[in-house]
Protein backbone atom coordinates (compact mmCIF):
# COMPACT_ATOMS: atom_id res chain seq x y z
CA MET A 1 -64.89 -46.10 18.16
CA ALA A 2 -64.02 -48.58 20.89
CA ASN A 3 -67.42 -48.13 22.51
CA GLN A 4 -69.40 -48.71 19.33
CA SER A 5 -70.92 -52.06 18.46
CA SER A 6 -68.94 -54.22 16.05
CA TRP A 7 -71.60 -53.98 13.34
CA VAL A 8 -71.50 -50.18 13.56
CA GLN A 9 -67.73 -50.31 13.11
CA SER A 10 -68.15 -52.55 10.07
CA LEU A 11 -70.66 -50.18 8.46
CA ASP A 12 -68.35 -47.27 9.09
CA LYS A 13 -65.39 -49.03 7.47
CA ILE A 14 -67.37 -50.22 4.45
CA PHE A 15 -69.52 -47.22 3.59
CA LEU A 16 -67.62 -44.23 4.95
CA SER A 17 -64.05 -45.37 4.37
CA MET A 18 -64.49 -47.19 1.05
CA MET A 19 -67.79 -46.06 -0.51
CA TRP A 20 -67.73 -42.39 0.50
CA TRP A 21 -67.56 -41.30 -3.16
CA LEU A 22 -71.09 -42.58 -3.84
CA ILE A 23 -72.57 -39.70 -1.82
CA PRO A 24 -70.95 -36.83 -3.79
CA MET A 25 -71.55 -38.72 -7.07
CA THR A 26 -75.26 -38.93 -6.28
CA ILE A 27 -75.35 -35.18 -5.67
CA ILE A 28 -73.41 -34.47 -8.88
CA ILE A 29 -75.78 -36.58 -10.99
CA TRP A 30 -78.81 -34.99 -9.32
CA LEU A 31 -77.71 -31.38 -10.02
CA PRO A 32 -78.51 -30.35 -13.61
CA PHE A 33 -75.44 -28.13 -14.16
CA THR A 34 -72.93 -30.83 -13.00
CA ARG A 35 -74.68 -33.83 -14.58
CA PRO A 36 -72.95 -33.50 -18.00
CA PHE A 37 -69.54 -33.68 -16.33
CA TRP A 38 -70.23 -36.67 -14.11
CA TRP A 39 -67.47 -38.71 -15.78
CA VAL A 40 -64.84 -36.13 -14.75
CA PHE A 41 -65.80 -36.35 -11.09
CA LEU A 42 -66.01 -40.14 -11.27
CA ALA A 43 -62.45 -40.31 -12.60
CA ILE A 44 -61.22 -38.06 -9.78
CA PHE A 45 -62.95 -40.07 -7.06
CA LEU A 46 -61.79 -43.41 -8.46
CA SER A 47 -58.21 -42.16 -8.75
CA ILE A 48 -58.23 -41.41 -5.03
CA GLU A 49 -59.32 -44.97 -4.25
CA LEU A 50 -56.89 -46.44 -6.78
CA LYS A 51 -54.08 -44.58 -5.01
CA LYS A 52 -55.06 -46.23 -1.72
CA LEU A 53 -55.19 -49.67 -3.37
CA TYR A 54 -51.80 -49.22 -5.02
CA LEU A 55 -50.08 -48.04 -1.83
CA TRP A 56 -51.66 -50.95 0.08
CA TRP A 57 -50.48 -53.45 -2.54
CA ILE A 58 -46.89 -52.23 -2.75
CA ALA A 59 -46.58 -51.82 1.05
CA TRP A 60 -48.15 -55.06 2.29
CA ASP A 61 -48.39 -57.49 -0.65
CA PHE A 62 -44.94 -56.58 -1.96
CA ALA A 63 -42.58 -54.93 0.58
CA TYR A 64 -43.90 -56.57 3.77
CA ALA A 65 -44.16 -59.98 2.09
CA GLU A 66 -40.44 -59.83 1.29
CA THR A 67 -39.39 -58.73 4.78
CA GLU A 68 -37.28 -61.34 6.59
CA TRP A 69 -37.97 -61.86 10.28
CA ASP A 70 -35.97 -63.68 12.95
CA PHE A 71 -37.64 -65.31 15.92
CA ILE A 72 -35.23 -65.67 18.82
CA GLU A 73 -35.30 -66.86 22.40
CA ILE A 74 -33.50 -64.84 25.07
CA VAL A 75 -32.31 -66.88 28.05
CA PRO A 76 -31.51 -64.64 31.05
CA PRO A 77 -29.02 -65.59 33.76
CA LYS A 78 -30.22 -66.83 37.13
CA GLU A 79 -29.31 -63.55 38.81
CA ILE A 80 -28.89 -60.09 37.27
CA LEU A 81 -26.88 -57.42 39.08
CA THR A 82 -27.16 -54.92 36.25
CA PRO A 83 -29.56 -52.10 37.18
CA LEU A 84 -32.84 -51.68 35.30
CA LYS A 85 -31.40 -48.57 33.69
CA ALA A 86 -29.62 -50.99 31.34
CA MET A 87 -32.91 -52.28 29.93
CA GLU A 88 -34.06 -48.71 29.40
CA ASP A 89 -30.87 -48.13 27.41
CA VAL A 90 -31.70 -51.18 25.28
CA PHE A 91 -34.99 -49.62 24.19
CA THR A 92 -33.42 -46.19 23.78
CA SER A 93 -30.77 -47.65 21.47
CA MET A 94 -33.31 -49.67 19.45
CA TRP A 95 -35.43 -46.60 18.77
CA SER A 96 -33.07 -45.33 16.07
CA PRO A 97 -33.19 -48.49 13.87
CA LEU A 98 -36.97 -48.74 14.29
CA PHE A 99 -37.73 -45.07 13.61
CA ASP A 100 -37.94 -43.90 10.03
CA GLY A 101 -40.16 -42.04 7.61
CA ALA A 102 -40.44 -42.74 3.90
CA ASN A 103 -39.95 -40.10 1.22
CA TRP A 104 -41.94 -40.06 -2.02
CA ARG A 105 -39.76 -42.56 -3.89
CA GLU A 106 -39.54 -44.99 -0.98
CA GLU A 107 -43.31 -44.88 -0.51
CA TRP A 108 -44.34 -45.23 -4.17
CA CYS A 109 -41.50 -47.39 -5.55
CA GLU A 110 -40.26 -49.49 -2.62
CA GLY A 111 -43.46 -49.79 -0.58
CA GLU A 112 -42.05 -48.37 2.66
CA LEU A 113 -44.75 -47.16 5.03
CA THR A 114 -44.89 -43.41 5.50
CA GLU A 115 -44.85 -43.57 9.30
CA VAL A 116 -43.54 -46.09 11.86
CA PRO A 117 -42.56 -48.54 9.08
CA TYR A 118 -40.56 -50.86 11.36
CA TRP A 119 -41.44 -52.69 14.55
CA MET A 120 -40.32 -55.49 16.80
CA SER A 121 -42.12 -57.70 19.29
CA LEU A 122 -40.94 -58.72 22.77
CA GLU A 123 -42.83 -61.57 24.41
CA ILE A 124 -43.11 -63.50 27.67
CA VAL A 125 -44.63 -66.95 27.23
CA SER A 126 -45.80 -69.68 29.57
CA THR A 127 -46.28 -73.08 27.93
CA GLU A 128 -47.92 -75.35 30.48
CA GLY A 129 -46.06 -73.45 33.21
CA GLU A 130 -42.66 -73.30 31.46
CA ILE A 131 -41.60 -69.67 31.01
CA HIS A 132 -39.63 -68.27 28.07
CA PHE A 133 -38.58 -64.82 26.83
CA TYR A 134 -38.85 -64.33 23.05
CA ALA A 135 -38.33 -61.58 20.51
CA ARG A 136 -39.42 -61.24 16.90
CA VAL A 137 -37.29 -58.72 15.03
CA MET A 138 -36.44 -57.90 11.44
CA ARG A 139 -33.29 -59.69 10.30
CA ALA A 140 -31.70 -56.35 9.44
CA HIS A 141 -32.24 -55.14 13.01
CA ARG A 142 -31.18 -58.31 14.83
CA PRO A 143 -27.46 -57.37 15.08
CA PHE A 144 -28.37 -54.11 16.83
CA LEU A 145 -30.59 -55.89 19.36
CA GLU A 146 -28.03 -58.61 20.08
CA SER A 147 -25.12 -56.20 20.49
CA ILE A 148 -26.94 -53.91 22.92
CA LEU A 149 -28.26 -56.87 24.96
CA TYR A 150 -24.84 -58.53 25.20
CA SER A 151 -23.21 -55.23 26.16
CA HIS A 152 -25.43 -54.95 29.25
CA TYR A 153 -26.09 -58.64 29.94
CA PRO A 154 -22.97 -60.58 28.81
CA GLU A 155 -24.14 -63.77 30.51
CA LEU A 156 -27.47 -64.19 28.70
CA GLU A 157 -27.89 -66.46 25.67
CA ILE A 158 -29.69 -65.77 22.38
CA PHE A 159 -30.52 -68.40 19.81
CA ASP A 160 -32.97 -69.02 16.97
CA THR A 161 -36.12 -70.98 17.69
CA GLN A 162 -39.48 -71.78 16.16
CA ASP A 163 -42.49 -69.53 16.69
CA TYR A 164 -44.40 -70.99 19.63
CA THR A 165 -47.77 -69.89 18.19
CA ARG A 166 -47.47 -72.77 15.71
CA SER A 167 -47.97 -75.23 18.56
CA VAL A 168 -51.71 -74.47 18.67
CA PRO A 169 -54.30 -74.43 15.85
CA ASN A 170 -54.75 -71.06 14.15
CA ASN A 171 -58.54 -71.41 13.84
CA LEU A 172 -59.32 -70.89 17.51
CA PRO A 173 -61.77 -71.10 19.11
CA ASN A 174 -62.86 -74.53 17.91
CA LYS A 175 -64.30 -77.72 19.40
CA GLU A 176 -61.08 -78.71 21.18
CA TRP A 177 -59.46 -75.35 22.01
CA ASP A 178 -60.67 -72.05 23.44
CA THR A 179 -58.97 -68.68 23.73
CA TYR A 180 -59.38 -65.33 25.45
CA GLY A 181 -57.28 -62.20 25.12
CA GLU A 182 -57.15 -58.53 26.04
CA ASP A 183 -55.39 -55.51 24.60
CA PHE A 184 -54.09 -53.04 27.17
CA VAL A 185 -53.95 -49.27 26.76
CA LEU A 186 -53.36 -46.15 28.83
CA LYS A 187 -56.61 -44.94 30.36
CA ARG A 188 -55.62 -41.27 30.59
CA PRO A 189 -54.02 -39.12 27.86
CA ASP A 190 -50.74 -40.62 26.72
CA PRO A 191 -48.44 -37.79 27.96
CA TYR A 192 -49.20 -38.82 31.55
CA PRO A 193 -46.61 -41.50 32.47
CA ILE A 194 -47.14 -44.66 34.47
CA LYS A 195 -45.25 -45.53 37.65
CA THR A 196 -41.75 -46.59 36.57
CA TYR A 197 -38.92 -48.59 38.08
CA GLU A 198 -37.40 -45.46 39.64
CA ASN A 199 -40.31 -45.53 42.11
CA PHE A 200 -39.90 -49.19 43.11
CA PHE A 201 -37.30 -48.52 45.79
CA GLU A 202 -37.78 -49.59 49.39
CA PRO A 203 -37.91 -47.32 51.26
CA GLN A 204 -38.85 -44.45 48.97
CA GLY A 205 -36.29 -41.69 48.62
CA GLU A 206 -33.37 -43.66 50.08
CA ARG A 207 -30.44 -44.33 47.79
CA ILE A 208 -30.18 -48.08 47.38
CA VAL A 209 -27.04 -49.71 46.06
CA GLY A 210 -28.04 -53.37 46.24
CA GLU A 211 -30.46 -54.34 43.48
CA GLU A 212 -31.96 -57.01 45.75
CA LYS A 213 -33.51 -54.21 47.80
CA ARG A 214 -35.60 -53.12 44.84
CA ILE A 215 -39.15 -54.38 44.39
CA ASP A 216 -39.45 -56.22 41.07
CA PRO A 217 -43.13 -56.41 40.02
CA ILE A 218 -42.44 -58.79 37.13
CA ASN A 219 -41.95 -61.60 39.67
CA SER A 220 -45.68 -61.61 40.39
CA LEU A 221 -46.46 -62.06 36.69
CA LEU A 222 -43.93 -64.86 36.25
CA GLU A 223 -45.17 -66.69 39.33
CA SER A 224 -48.75 -66.59 38.04
CA MET A 225 -47.64 -67.83 34.62
CA ALA A 226 -45.58 -70.62 36.20
CA LYS A 227 -48.71 -72.07 37.82
CA LEU A 228 -50.39 -72.96 34.51
CA GLY A 229 -51.18 -76.64 34.10
CA LYS A 230 -51.29 -79.13 31.28
CA GLY A 231 -52.83 -77.85 28.06
CA GLU A 232 -52.67 -74.19 29.18
CA HIS A 233 -50.73 -71.37 27.49
CA TYR A 234 -50.44 -67.70 28.34
CA TRP A 235 -48.74 -65.23 26.01
CA VAL A 236 -47.73 -61.62 26.75
CA GLN A 237 -46.73 -59.42 23.83
CA PHE A 238 -45.22 -55.94 23.54
CA THR A 239 -45.12 -54.71 19.93
CA LEU A 240 -42.93 -51.60 19.66
CA MET A 241 -43.03 -49.08 16.80
CA GLY A 242 -40.59 -46.18 16.95
CA THR A 243 -42.38 -42.86 16.56
CA ALA A 244 -41.98 -39.13 17.18
CA ASP A 245 -44.01 -35.97 17.75
CA ASN A 246 -44.53 -35.29 14.03
CA PHE A 247 -46.19 -38.70 13.63
CA GLU A 248 -48.28 -38.30 16.79
CA PRO A 249 -50.02 -34.90 16.54
CA LYS A 250 -52.59 -35.74 19.23
CA PHE A 251 -49.85 -36.73 21.68
CA LYS A 252 -47.99 -33.48 21.06
CA LYS A 253 -51.16 -31.40 21.40
CA ASP A 254 -52.21 -33.16 24.63
CA ALA A 255 -48.74 -32.71 26.11
CA GLU A 256 -48.71 -28.97 25.37
CA GLU A 257 -52.16 -28.51 26.90
CA ILE A 258 -51.32 -30.52 30.02
CA ILE A 259 -48.08 -28.62 30.62
CA ALA A 260 -49.78 -25.27 30.02
CA LYS A 261 -52.58 -26.17 32.43
CA LEU A 262 -50.26 -27.38 35.18
CA ALA A 263 -47.84 -24.46 34.76
CA LYS A 264 -50.76 -22.00 34.84
CA ARG A 265 -49.91 -20.79 31.35
CA PRO A 266 -52.37 -20.06 28.52
CA ALA A 267 -53.08 -23.12 26.42
CA PRO A 268 -51.52 -23.13 22.93
CA LYS A 269 -53.76 -21.30 20.47
CA LYS A 270 -55.56 -23.40 17.92
CA PRO A 271 -54.95 -22.55 14.25
CA ARG A 272 -57.69 -20.51 12.65
CA THR A 273 -60.09 -22.24 10.31
CA PHE A 274 -62.16 -20.92 7.43
CA ALA A 275 -65.36 -21.44 9.44
CA GLY A 276 -63.86 -19.53 12.37
CA GLU A 277 -62.82 -16.59 10.20
CA LEU A 278 -66.29 -16.50 8.65
CA GLY A 279 -67.81 -16.37 12.13
CA PHE A 280 -65.55 -13.44 13.12
CA MET A 281 -66.52 -11.56 9.96
CA LEU A 282 -70.24 -11.99 10.65
CA ASN A 283 -69.69 -10.89 14.25
CA ASP A 284 -67.98 -7.69 13.02
CA ILE A 285 -70.81 -6.94 10.59
CA VAL A 286 -73.53 -7.39 13.23
CA PHE A 287 -71.91 -5.84 16.30
CA GLY A 288 -69.20 -3.61 14.82
CA PRO A 289 -65.96 -2.61 16.57
CA LYS A 290 -65.66 -2.49 20.35
CA LYS A 291 -65.83 1.01 21.87
CA GLU A 292 -63.29 1.97 24.51
CA GLY A 293 -63.60 5.28 26.41
CA GLU A 294 -66.16 8.09 26.18
CA GLY A 295 -66.58 11.34 24.25
CA GLU A 296 -63.73 12.68 22.19
CA TYR A 297 -61.35 10.21 23.82
CA ALA A 298 -63.36 7.23 22.62
CA THR A 299 -61.54 4.67 20.47
CA TYR A 300 -62.81 1.74 18.46
CA LYS A 301 -61.06 -1.57 18.11
CA TRP A 302 -61.81 -4.67 16.06
CA GLU A 303 -61.45 -7.55 18.50
CA ARG A 304 -60.94 -11.26 17.93
CA PRO A 305 -62.01 -13.63 20.74
CA ASP A 306 -58.94 -15.78 20.20
CA GLU A 307 -56.59 -12.81 20.57
CA LYS A 308 -57.55 -11.91 24.12
CA GLU A 309 -54.51 -11.90 26.32
CA GLU A 310 -54.49 -14.43 29.11
CA LYS A 311 -52.32 -13.64 32.06
CA PRO A 312 -50.26 -16.63 33.17
CA GLY A 313 -50.68 -17.81 36.70
CA LYS A 314 -47.91 -17.82 39.24
CA GLU A 315 -45.72 -20.90 39.15
CA ALA A 316 -45.20 -20.54 42.89
CA SER A 317 -48.86 -21.44 43.37
CA LEU A 318 -48.24 -25.02 42.23
CA THR A 319 -48.92 -27.62 44.88
CA PRO A 320 -46.28 -30.34 45.48
CA GLY A 321 -48.53 -32.84 43.69
CA GLU A 322 -48.97 -30.58 40.65
CA ARG A 323 -45.24 -29.97 40.50
CA ASP A 324 -44.58 -33.74 40.57
CA VAL A 325 -47.07 -34.31 37.74
CA LEU A 326 -45.55 -31.52 35.66
CA THR A 327 -42.05 -32.92 36.14
CA ALA A 328 -43.21 -36.46 35.27
CA VAL A 329 -44.93 -35.35 32.05
CA GLU A 330 -41.91 -33.31 30.94
CA ASN A 331 -39.58 -36.24 31.69
CA LYS A 332 -41.72 -38.54 29.56
CA ILE A 333 -41.97 -36.39 26.46
CA LYS A 334 -38.24 -35.56 26.34
CA LYS A 335 -37.31 -39.21 25.72
CA PRO A 336 -37.74 -41.31 22.54
CA LEU A 337 -41.28 -42.56 22.02
CA TYR A 338 -42.76 -45.90 21.02
CA ARG A 339 -46.25 -46.50 19.71
CA THR A 340 -46.91 -49.69 21.65
CA SER A 341 -49.42 -52.51 21.42
CA ILE A 342 -49.71 -54.59 24.61
CA ARG A 343 -51.79 -57.74 24.83
CA GLY A 344 -52.18 -60.87 26.87
CA VAL A 345 -53.69 -64.02 25.33
CA TYR A 346 -54.78 -67.20 27.10
CA VAL A 347 -55.05 -70.40 25.05
CA ALA A 348 -56.08 -73.76 26.47
CA LYS A 349 -57.86 -76.97 25.63
CA ARG A 350 -61.49 -76.83 26.63
CA GLU A 351 -61.15 -79.49 29.33
CA ASN A 352 -58.25 -77.51 30.88
CA PHE A 353 -59.66 -73.99 30.38
CA ASN A 354 -59.48 -72.04 33.66
CA LYS A 355 -61.31 -68.71 33.67
CA SER A 356 -59.17 -67.29 36.48
CA ASN A 357 -56.01 -67.80 34.41
CA ARG A 358 -57.29 -65.87 31.41
CA VAL A 359 -56.76 -62.50 33.16
CA ILE A 360 -53.27 -63.09 34.56
CA PHE A 361 -51.97 -59.85 33.07
CA ARG A 362 -54.52 -57.57 34.76
CA PRO A 363 -53.02 -57.66 38.29
CA TYR A 364 -49.56 -57.11 36.82
CA VAL A 365 -50.35 -53.77 35.18
CA THR A 366 -51.91 -52.57 38.44
CA HIS A 367 -48.36 -52.27 39.82
CA PHE A 368 -47.84 -49.22 37.59
CA LEU A 369 -50.94 -47.30 38.66
CA THR A 370 -50.62 -43.80 40.07
CA ARG A 371 -53.88 -41.92 40.57
CA ASN A 372 -52.51 -38.49 39.71
CA LEU A 373 -50.61 -39.76 36.66
CA ASN A 374 -51.70 -42.71 34.52
CA PHE A 375 -52.69 -46.36 34.62
CA ILE A 376 -53.17 -49.26 32.21
CA GLY A 377 -56.40 -51.14 31.58
CA PHE A 378 -57.88 -53.51 29.02
CA HIS A 379 -59.52 -52.18 25.85
CA LEU A 380 -63.28 -52.74 25.91
CA GLY A 381 -63.57 -52.78 22.12
CA THR A 382 -61.32 -55.79 21.42
CA ARG A 383 -61.72 -58.36 24.18
CA PRO A 384 -63.90 -61.35 23.23
CA LYS A 385 -66.69 -60.54 25.64
CA VAL A 386 -69.89 -58.69 24.75
CA HIS A 387 -73.19 -58.20 26.56
CA TYR A 388 -75.77 -57.50 23.85
CA TRP A 389 -76.72 -58.40 20.26
CA PHE A 390 -75.41 -61.57 18.56
CA ARG A 391 -73.15 -62.35 21.48
CA LYS A 392 -71.92 -65.78 20.39
CA MET A 393 -71.04 -64.69 16.87
CA ARG A 394 -69.31 -61.49 17.97
CA VAL A 395 -67.30 -63.23 20.70
CA ARG A 396 -66.05 -65.77 18.15
CA PHE A 397 -65.15 -63.00 15.70
CA ARG A 398 -63.25 -60.98 18.32
CA ALA A 399 -61.38 -64.04 19.59
CA ARG A 400 -60.21 -64.97 16.10
CA ARG A 401 -59.22 -61.40 15.30
CA MET A 402 -57.26 -61.20 18.56
CA LEU A 403 -55.38 -64.43 17.83
CA ARG A 404 -54.69 -63.44 14.21
CA ASN A 405 -53.27 -60.07 15.22
CA TYR A 406 -51.16 -61.72 17.91
CA ILE A 407 -49.66 -64.26 15.50
CA LEU A 408 -48.94 -61.59 12.88
CA ARG A 409 -47.75 -59.09 15.53
CA PHE A 410 -50.22 -56.49 14.23
CA PRO A 411 -51.98 -53.73 16.22
CA PRO A 412 -55.50 -54.41 17.55
CA PHE A 413 -57.39 -52.57 14.78
CA PHE A 414 -55.14 -53.36 11.82
CA PRO A 415 -54.94 -51.91 9.16
CA ASN A 416 -55.41 -48.90 11.44
CA ARG A 417 -51.98 -48.96 13.12
CA ARG A 418 -52.72 -46.13 15.55
CA GLU A 419 -55.99 -47.06 17.27
CA GLY A 420 -55.68 -49.38 20.24
CA CYS A 421 -52.02 -48.42 20.83
CA SER A 422 -50.51 -46.18 23.50
CA ILE A 423 -47.40 -44.03 23.58
CA PHE A 424 -44.65 -45.09 25.99
CA ASN A 425 -41.04 -44.06 26.42
CA PRO A 426 -38.12 -46.49 27.03
CA GLU A 427 -38.27 -46.03 30.80
CA GLU A 428 -41.92 -47.14 30.91
CA ILE A 429 -41.34 -50.12 28.61
CA ALA A 430 -38.29 -51.24 30.59
CA THR A 431 -40.45 -51.15 33.73
CA MET A 432 -42.99 -53.54 32.19
CA TYR A 433 -40.66 -55.77 30.16
CA HIS A 434 -37.32 -56.77 31.64
CA PHE A 435 -35.55 -59.87 32.84
CA PRO A 436 -36.19 -60.78 36.49
CA LEU A 437 -33.48 -59.41 38.75
CA LYS A 438 -33.42 -62.64 40.70
CA ILE A 439 -35.25 -65.78 39.67
CA SER A 440 -37.55 -66.72 42.52
CA SER A 441 -37.63 -70.27 43.87
CA THR A 442 -41.35 -70.36 43.05
CA PHE A 443 -40.86 -70.28 39.28
CA LEU A 444 -37.18 -71.38 39.22
CA PRO A 445 -37.90 -74.97 38.05
CA SER A 446 -40.14 -73.76 35.20
CA MET A 447 -37.97 -70.99 33.76
CA THR A 448 -35.25 -71.40 31.18
CA ARG A 449 -32.11 -69.65 32.43
CA VAL A 450 -28.32 -69.65 32.14
CA GLU A 451 -26.97 -71.79 34.99
CA SER A 452 -23.32 -70.70 35.03
CA LYS A 453 -21.37 -67.52 34.38
CA LYS A 454 -19.31 -67.05 31.25
CA GLY A 455 -15.72 -65.89 31.30
CA GLY A 456 -12.59 -65.81 29.22
CA ALA A 457 -9.65 -68.16 29.65
CA PRO A 458 -6.95 -67.13 32.20
CA SER A 459 -4.18 -65.04 30.67
CA ASN A 460 -1.48 -67.36 32.11
CA LEU A 461 -3.04 -70.55 30.74
CA PRO A 462 -0.26 -72.56 29.01
CA ILE A 463 -0.85 -73.16 25.34
CA GLY A 464 0.77 -76.07 23.59
CA GLU A 465 3.00 -75.48 20.57
């Protein structure tokens, strides 16, 4: 879908997703023996669409409209000695409040979404070179986020603030302002992990105690964002939706196939379909059973192609690289999972618009590239840049859709909440989004931070009566 033209996508959504019932109704009216009962089929088809409309109304126009959100700023200390494992634990702990699945009553009466109903957004923002860390979270989930952050980072500060997206017009691009944004996704199947913080030691393989000896790739992103000038804004957003294998069938299937391939085991068998069974039956009628042996010792056996035994390969034949990939994939899928939308948006006044600053996020995600595992790249189907057919109109449409989804914290192809998102575990997210271990002198003046350490009063402090 991402490679199709935007007008093809629109036709697909209008005619196939919404008006699909016109095709079978035309056939029913055309056939003489079903024509008298056309009203029965029409009622059935319309009831299916009415169900979709009702569930949309109660979920988004009722339940979502009443959801209370808190927008908070997180101010990190100047220096963090806590290891990055702490940030991974933050995302692991937040998975439980964000993960849920609605039953029949919750879906039809309360409007709760059937899968990944809750989400939160973590953001890094540069406003004319001034850097801030923000989070948008449901009010019911805010105590969980604050408690886990304070438990690992007792010196940081959290306070309510206004949504920074309100500082720019919401009808961009217009005559005074321009915008450009990109959604970022995994370029290989989701079970392959990216390079994580465990691999950012120097030198590799040596046990390092001092956190200052670790390479922190987020410094490069913050330094680029700190160089923005007057009238320039750059926003980075991670929208996290707690999910699991039963909500991500493609992820589970891909993981099983990758592990089976690397371990030299037979791939999991696909479930039989009616068409497949019909094909087997026709094959038996035409060719008959398979003959084994000759003469009086001959036997006949009905054989199914999908029942042929495949001998597993020897695990000892794995190369060191294959073994590393197999271990990395298994380590990823055993942890909690987030369906994640990642995007970077550049907003600036037209006289200050700098094309080189609109792709600040691209070099950052290159830090996590490993050729035999996975890497992150921008999504071709959402960025406001096209090469053919109605270019000006389509660029404007994509730019406005990008900005709208950013402000609402929605996935790239909303209401489709799966397309344009990738599956990450807490370790991968903590690698991409965390507080800088040590605030560099390059972006020190432009970053909001806690200047002094907090501590309790001395136990022997005299207290007046």
